[in-house]
PDB file of N, CA and C in Angstrom:
ATOM      1  N   MET A   1     -64.715 -22.489  58.527  1.00  0.00           N
ATOM      2  CA  MET A   1     -63.328 -22.204  58.258  1.00  0.00           C
ATOM      3  C   MET A   1     -63.193 -21.086  57.228  1.00  0.00           C
ATOM      4  N   SER A   2     -64.033 -21.105  56.223  1.00  0.00           N
ATOM      5  CA  SER A   2     -63.924 -20.060  55.209  1.00  0.00           C
ATOM      6  C   SER A   2     -64.327 -18.691  55.763  1.00  0.00           C
ATOM      7  N   PHE A   3     -65.173 -18.685  56.779  1.00  0.00           N
ATOM      8  CA  PHE A   3     -65.569 -17.401  57.353  1.00  0.00           C
ATOM      9  C   PHE A   3     -64.365 -16.714  58.000  1.00  0.00           C
ATOM     10  N   ALA A   4     -63.516 -17.494  58.653  1.00  0.00           N
ATOM     11  CA  ALA A   4     -62.313 -16.921  59.263  1.00  0.00           C
ATOM     12  C   ALA A   4     -61.419 -16.297  58.190  1.00  0.00           C
ATOM     13  N   TYR A   5     -61.329 -16.946  57.059  1.00  0.00           N
ATOM     14  CA  TYR A   5     -60.543 -16.409  55.936  1.00  0.00           C
ATOM     15  C   TYR A   5     -61.170 -15.122  55.409  1.00  0.00           C
ATOM     16  N   GLU A   6     -62.500 -15.128  55.264  1.00  0.00           N
ATOM     17  CA  GLU A   6     -63.189 -13.971  54.692  1.00  0.00           C
ATOM     18  C   GLU A   6     -63.228 -12.767  55.629  1.00  0.00           C
ATOM     19  N   ILE A   7     -63.039 -12.997  56.918  1.00  0.00           N
ATOM     20  CA  ILE A   7     -62.963 -11.855  57.842  1.00  0.00           C
ATOM     21  C   ILE A   7     -61.878 -10.900  57.368  1.00  0.00           C
ATOM     22  N   PHE A   8     -60.765 -11.459  56.905  1.00  0.00           N
ATOM     23  CA  PHE A   8     -59.650 -10.626  56.444  1.00  0.00           C
ATOM     24  C   PHE A   8     -59.750 -10.331  54.953  1.00  0.00           C
ATOM     25  N   LYS A   9     -60.110 -11.321  54.156  1.00  0.00           N
ATOM     26  CA  LYS A   9     -60.151 -11.161  52.692  1.00  0.00           C
ATOM     27  C   LYS A   9     -61.197 -10.128  52.263  1.00  0.00           C
ATOM     28  N   GLN A  10     -62.397 -10.212  52.832  1.00  0.00           N
ATOM     29  CA  GLN A  10     -63.485  -9.317  52.450  1.00  0.00           C
ATOM     30  C   GLN A  10     -63.521  -8.033  53.273  1.00  0.00           C
ATOM     31  N   GLY A  11     -62.643  -7.926  54.252  1.00  0.00           N
ATOM     32  CA  GLY A  11     -62.592  -6.715  55.063  1.00  0.00           C
ATOM     33  C   GLY A  11     -63.614  -6.678  56.187  1.00  0.00           C
ATOM     34  N   TYR A  12     -64.173  -7.838  56.558  1.00  0.00           N
ATOM     35  CA  TYR A  12     -65.139  -7.878  57.657  1.00  0.00           C
ATOM     36  C   TYR A  12     -64.504  -7.427  58.967  1.00  0.00           C
ATOM     37  N   ILE A  13     -63.201  -7.530  59.070  1.00  0.00           N
ATOM     38  CA  ILE A  13     -62.501  -7.185  60.301  1.00  0.00           C
ATOM     39  C   ILE A  13     -62.721  -5.712  60.676  1.00  0.00           C
ATOM     40  N   HIS A  14     -63.080  -4.895  59.704  1.00  0.00           N
ATOM     41  CA  HIS A  14     -63.304  -3.469  59.958  1.00  0.00           C
ATOM     42  C   HIS A  14     -64.722  -3.169  60.429  1.00  0.00           C
ATOM     43  N   LEU A  15     -65.573  -4.174  60.422  1.00  0.00           N
ATOM     44  CA  LEU A  15     -66.955  -3.975  60.870  1.00  0.00           C
ATOM     45  C   LEU A  15     -67.040  -4.111  62.386  1.00  0.00           C
ATOM     46  N   ALA A  16     -68.143  -3.632  62.928  1.00  0.00           N
ATOM     47  CA  ALA A  16     -68.377  -3.770  64.363  1.00  0.00           C
ATOM     48  C   ALA A  16     -68.639  -5.242  64.693  1.00  0.00           C
ATOM     49  N   LEU A  17     -68.296  -5.631  65.911  1.00  0.00           N
ATOM     50  CA  LEU A  17     -68.454  -7.021  66.337  1.00  0.00           C
ATOM     51  C   LEU A  17     -69.887  -7.544  66.172  1.00  0.00           C
ATOM     52  N   PRO A  18     -70.931  -6.774  66.526  1.00  0.00           N
ATOM     53  CA  PRO A  18     -72.288  -7.288  66.312  1.00  0.00           C
ATOM     54  C   PRO A  18     -72.586  -7.596  64.832  1.00  0.00           C
ATOM     55  N   MET A  19     -72.030  -6.805  63.935  1.00  0.00           N
ATOM     56  CA  MET A  19     -72.244  -7.059  62.509  1.00  0.00           C
ATOM     57  C   MET A  19     -71.519  -8.332  62.066  1.00  0.00           C
ATOM     58  N   ILE A  20     -70.315  -8.540  62.572  1.00  0.00           N
ATOM     59  CA  ILE A  20     -69.573  -9.768  62.253  1.00  0.00           C
ATOM     60  C   ILE A  20     -70.334 -10.980  62.768  1.00  0.00           C
ATOM     61  N   LEU A  21     -70.870 -10.874  63.982  1.00  0.00           N
ATOM     62  CA  LEU A  21     -71.653 -11.980  64.543  1.00  0.00           C
ATOM     63  C   LEU A  21     -72.930 -12.220  63.737  1.00  0.00           C
ATOM     64  N   ALA A  22     -73.557 -11.154  63.276  1.00  0.00           N
ATOM     65  CA  ALA A  22     -74.752 -11.305  62.449  1.00  0.00           C
ATOM     66  C   ALA A  22     -74.417 -11.994  61.122  1.00  0.00           C
ATOM     67  N   LEU A  23     -73.306 -11.630  60.515  1.00  0.00           N
ATOM     68  CA  LEU A  23     -72.873 -12.286  59.286  1.00  0.00           C
ATOM     69  C   LEU A  23     -72.582 -13.760  59.521  1.00  0.00           C
ATOM     70  N   PHE A  24     -71.921 -14.061  60.634  1.00  0.00           N
ATOM     71  CA  PHE A  24     -71.610 -15.452  60.965  1.00  0.00           C
ATOM     72  C   PHE A  24     -72.880 -16.263  61.197  1.00  0.00           C
ATOM     73  N   CYS A  25     -73.818 -15.708  61.948  1.00  0.00           N
ATOM     74  CA  CYS A  25     -75.074 -16.412  62.227  1.00  0.00           C
ATOM     75  C   CYS A  25     -75.884 -16.635  60.953  1.00  0.00           C
ATOM     76  N   THR A  26     -75.902 -15.643  60.087  1.00  0.00           N
ATOM     77  CA  THR A  26     -76.605 -15.784  58.822  1.00  0.00           C
ATOM     78  C   THR A  26     -75.989 -16.895  57.992  1.00  0.00           C
ATOM     79  N   ARG A  27     -74.669 -16.944  57.947  1.00  0.00           N
ATOM     80  CA  ARG A  27     -73.987 -18.004  57.198  1.00  0.00           C
ATOM     81  C   ARG A  27     -74.254 -19.372  57.829  1.00  0.00           C
ATOM     82  N   LEU A  28     -74.259 -19.450  59.152  1.00  0.00           N
ATOM     83  CA  LEU A  28     -74.503 -20.706  59.838  1.00  0.00           C
ATOM     84  C   LEU A  28     -75.908 -21.233  59.549  1.00  0.00           C
ATOM     85  N   VAL A  29     -76.898 -20.370  59.626  1.00  0.00           N
ATOM     86  CA  VAL A  29     -78.279 -20.775  59.338  1.00  0.00           C
ATOM     87  C   VAL A  29     -78.405 -21.209  57.883  1.00  0.00           C
ATOM     88  N   SER A  30     -77.775 -20.495  56.990  1.00  0.00           N
ATOM     89  CA  SER A  30     -77.812 -20.847  55.577  1.00  0.00           C
ATOM     90  C   SER A  30     -77.167 -22.208  55.334  1.00  0.00           C
ATOM     91  N   ASP A  31     -76.024 -22.450  55.961  1.00  0.00           N
ATOM     92  CA  ASP A  31     -75.356 -23.747  55.807  1.00  0.00           C
ATOM     93  C   ASP A  31     -76.219 -24.883  56.328  1.00  0.00           C
ATOM     94  N   LEU A  32     -76.857 -24.675  57.460  1.00  0.00           N
ATOM     95  CA  LEU A  32     -77.735 -25.699  58.008  1.00  0.00           C
ATOM     96  C   LEU A  32     -78.934 -25.955  57.102  1.00  0.00           C
ATOM     97  N   LEU A  33     -79.494 -24.886  56.575  1.00  0.00           N
ATOM     98  CA  LEU A  33     -80.652 -25.022  55.707  1.00  0.00           C
ATOM     99  C   LEU A  33     -80.308 -25.791  54.439  1.00  0.00           C
ATOM    100  N   PHE A  34     -79.273 -25.364  53.753  1.00  0.00           N
ATOM    101  CA  PHE A  34     -78.922 -25.994  52.491  1.00  0.00           C
ATOM    102  C   PHE A  34     -78.197 -27.321  52.682  1.00  0.00           C
ATOM    103  N   GLY A  35     -77.449 -27.458  53.758  1.00  0.00           N
ATOM    104  CA  GLY A  35     -76.658 -28.655  53.961  1.00  0.00           C
ATOM    105  C   GLY A  35     -77.409 -29.794  54.615  1.00  0.00           C
ATOM    106  N   ALA A  36     -78.493 -29.524  55.272  1.00  0.00           N
ATOM    107  CA  ALA A  36     -79.200 -30.573  55.983  1.00  0.00           C
ATOM    108  C   ALA A  36     -80.659 -30.691  55.543  1.00  0.00           C
ATOM    109  N   VAL A  37     -81.390 -29.627  55.675  1.00  0.00           N
ATOM    110  CA  VAL A  37     -82.834 -29.684  55.430  1.00  0.00           C
ATOM    111  C   VAL A  37     -83.142 -29.950  53.964  1.00  0.00           C
ATOM    112  N   LEU A  38     -82.589 -29.177  53.060  1.00  0.00           N
ATOM    113  CA  LEU A  38     -82.892 -29.363  51.646  1.00  0.00           C
ATOM    114  C   LEU A  38     -82.362 -30.686  51.118  1.00  0.00           C
ATOM    115  N   VAL A  39     -81.183 -31.099  51.583  1.00  0.00           N
ATOM    116  CA  VAL A  39     -80.644 -32.396  51.155  1.00  0.00           C
ATOM    117  C   VAL A  39     -81.557 -33.517  51.629  1.00  0.00           C
ATOM    118  N   HIS A  40     -82.053 -33.417  52.837  1.00  0.00           N
ATOM    119  CA  HIS A  40     -82.979 -34.429  53.356  1.00  0.00           C
ATOM    120  C   HIS A  40     -84.210 -34.562  52.456  1.00  0.00           C
ATOM    121  N   TYR A  41     -84.792 -33.448  52.071  1.00  0.00           N
ATOM    122  CA  TYR A  41     -85.983 -33.501  51.226  1.00  0.00           C
ATOM    123  C   TYR A  41     -85.677 -33.969  49.806  1.00  0.00           C
ATOM    124  N   VAL A  42     -84.526 -33.625  49.277  1.00  0.00           N
ATOM    125  CA  VAL A  42     -84.140 -34.107  47.946  1.00  0.00           C
ATOM    126  C   VAL A  42     -83.977 -35.620  47.972  1.00  0.00           C
ATOM    127  N   VAL A  43     -83.352 -36.148  49.010  1.00  0.00           N
ATOM    128  CA  VAL A  43     -83.184 -37.599  49.127  1.00  0.00           C
ATOM    129  C   VAL A  43     -84.538 -38.275  49.250  1.00  0.00           C
ATOM    130  N   ARG A  44     -85.427 -37.699  50.034  1.00  0.00           N
ATOM    131  CA  ARG A  44     -86.776 -38.285  50.149  1.00  0.00           C
ATOM    132  C   ARG A  44     -87.488 -38.316  48.801  1.00  0.00           C
ATOM    133  N   LEU A  45     -87.352 -37.255  48.028  1.00  0.00           N
ATOM    134  CA  LEU A  45     -87.976 -37.230  46.706  1.00  0.00           C
ATOM    135  C   LEU A  45     -87.348 -38.256  45.769  1.00  0.00           C
ATOM    136  N   LEU A  46     -86.045 -38.435  45.837  1.00  0.00           N
ATOM    137  CA  LEU A  46     -85.382 -39.424  44.998  1.00  0.00           C
ATOM    138  C   LEU A  46     -85.791 -40.847  45.367  1.00  0.00           C
ATOM    139  N   VAL A  47     -85.953 -41.107  46.659  1.00  0.00           N
ATOM    140  CA  VAL A  47     -86.427 -42.424  47.096  1.00  0.00           C
ATOM    141  C   VAL A  47     -87.855 -42.639  46.611  1.00  0.00           C
ATOM    142  N   ARG A  48     -88.665 -41.624  46.734  1.00  0.00           N
ATOM    143  CA  ARG A  48     -90.065 -41.714  46.290  1.00  0.00           C
ATOM    144  C   ARG A  48     -90.181 -41.944  44.789  1.00  0.00           C
ATOM    145  N   ALA A  49     -89.231 -41.398  44.025  1.00  0.00           N
ATOM    146  CA  ALA A  49     -89.234 -41.569  42.577  1.00  0.00           C
ATOM    147  C   ALA A  49     -88.529 -42.839  42.144  1.00  0.00           C
ATOM    148  N   HIS A  50     -88.073 -43.632  43.145  1.00  0.00           N
ATOM    149  CA  HIS A  50     -87.356 -44.894  42.891  1.00  0.00           C
ATOM    150  C   HIS A  50     -86.066 -44.663  42.112  1.00  0.00           C
ATOM    151  N   ALA A  51     -85.472 -43.521  42.291  1.00  0.00           N
ATOM    152  CA  ALA A  51     -84.192 -43.218  41.650  1.00  0.00           C
ATOM    153  C   ALA A  51     -83.033 -43.751  42.477  1.00  0.00           C
ATOM    154  N   ILE A  52     -83.235 -43.865  43.787  1.00  0.00           N
ATOM    155  CA  ILE A  52     -82.218 -44.438  44.666  1.00  0.00           C
ATOM    156  C   ILE A  52     -82.901 -45.370  45.657  1.00  0.00           C
ATOM    157  N   GLN A  53     -82.104 -46.250  46.256  1.00  0.00           N
ATOM    158  CA  GLN A  53     -82.604 -47.169  47.276  1.00  0.00           C
ATOM    159  C   GLN A  53     -82.484 -46.497  48.649  1.00  0.00           C
ATOM    160  N   PRO A  54     -83.470 -46.698  49.530  1.00  0.00           N
ATOM    161  CA  PRO A  54     -83.331 -46.138  50.874  1.00  0.00           C
ATOM    162  C   PRO A  54     -82.194 -46.851  51.614  1.00  0.00           C
ATOM    163  N   ALA A  55     -81.517 -46.104  52.472  1.00  0.00           N
ATOM    164  CA  ALA A  55     -80.371 -46.672  53.203  1.00  0.00           C
ATOM    165  C   ALA A  55     -80.797 -47.608  54.293  1.00  0.00           C
TER     166      ALA A  55
END
């Protein structure tokens, strides 16, 4: 949702379509990496350190 806002706010609308798609894909991969993969490993480390209970 924020990407749609930034298309206009940051001036991405003036870029070529392939560049906009590249920016979107980069943001999507980054969100998946930080939102899923790293959180998964942090939770595993916290369980291993007995800081939290496994679900």
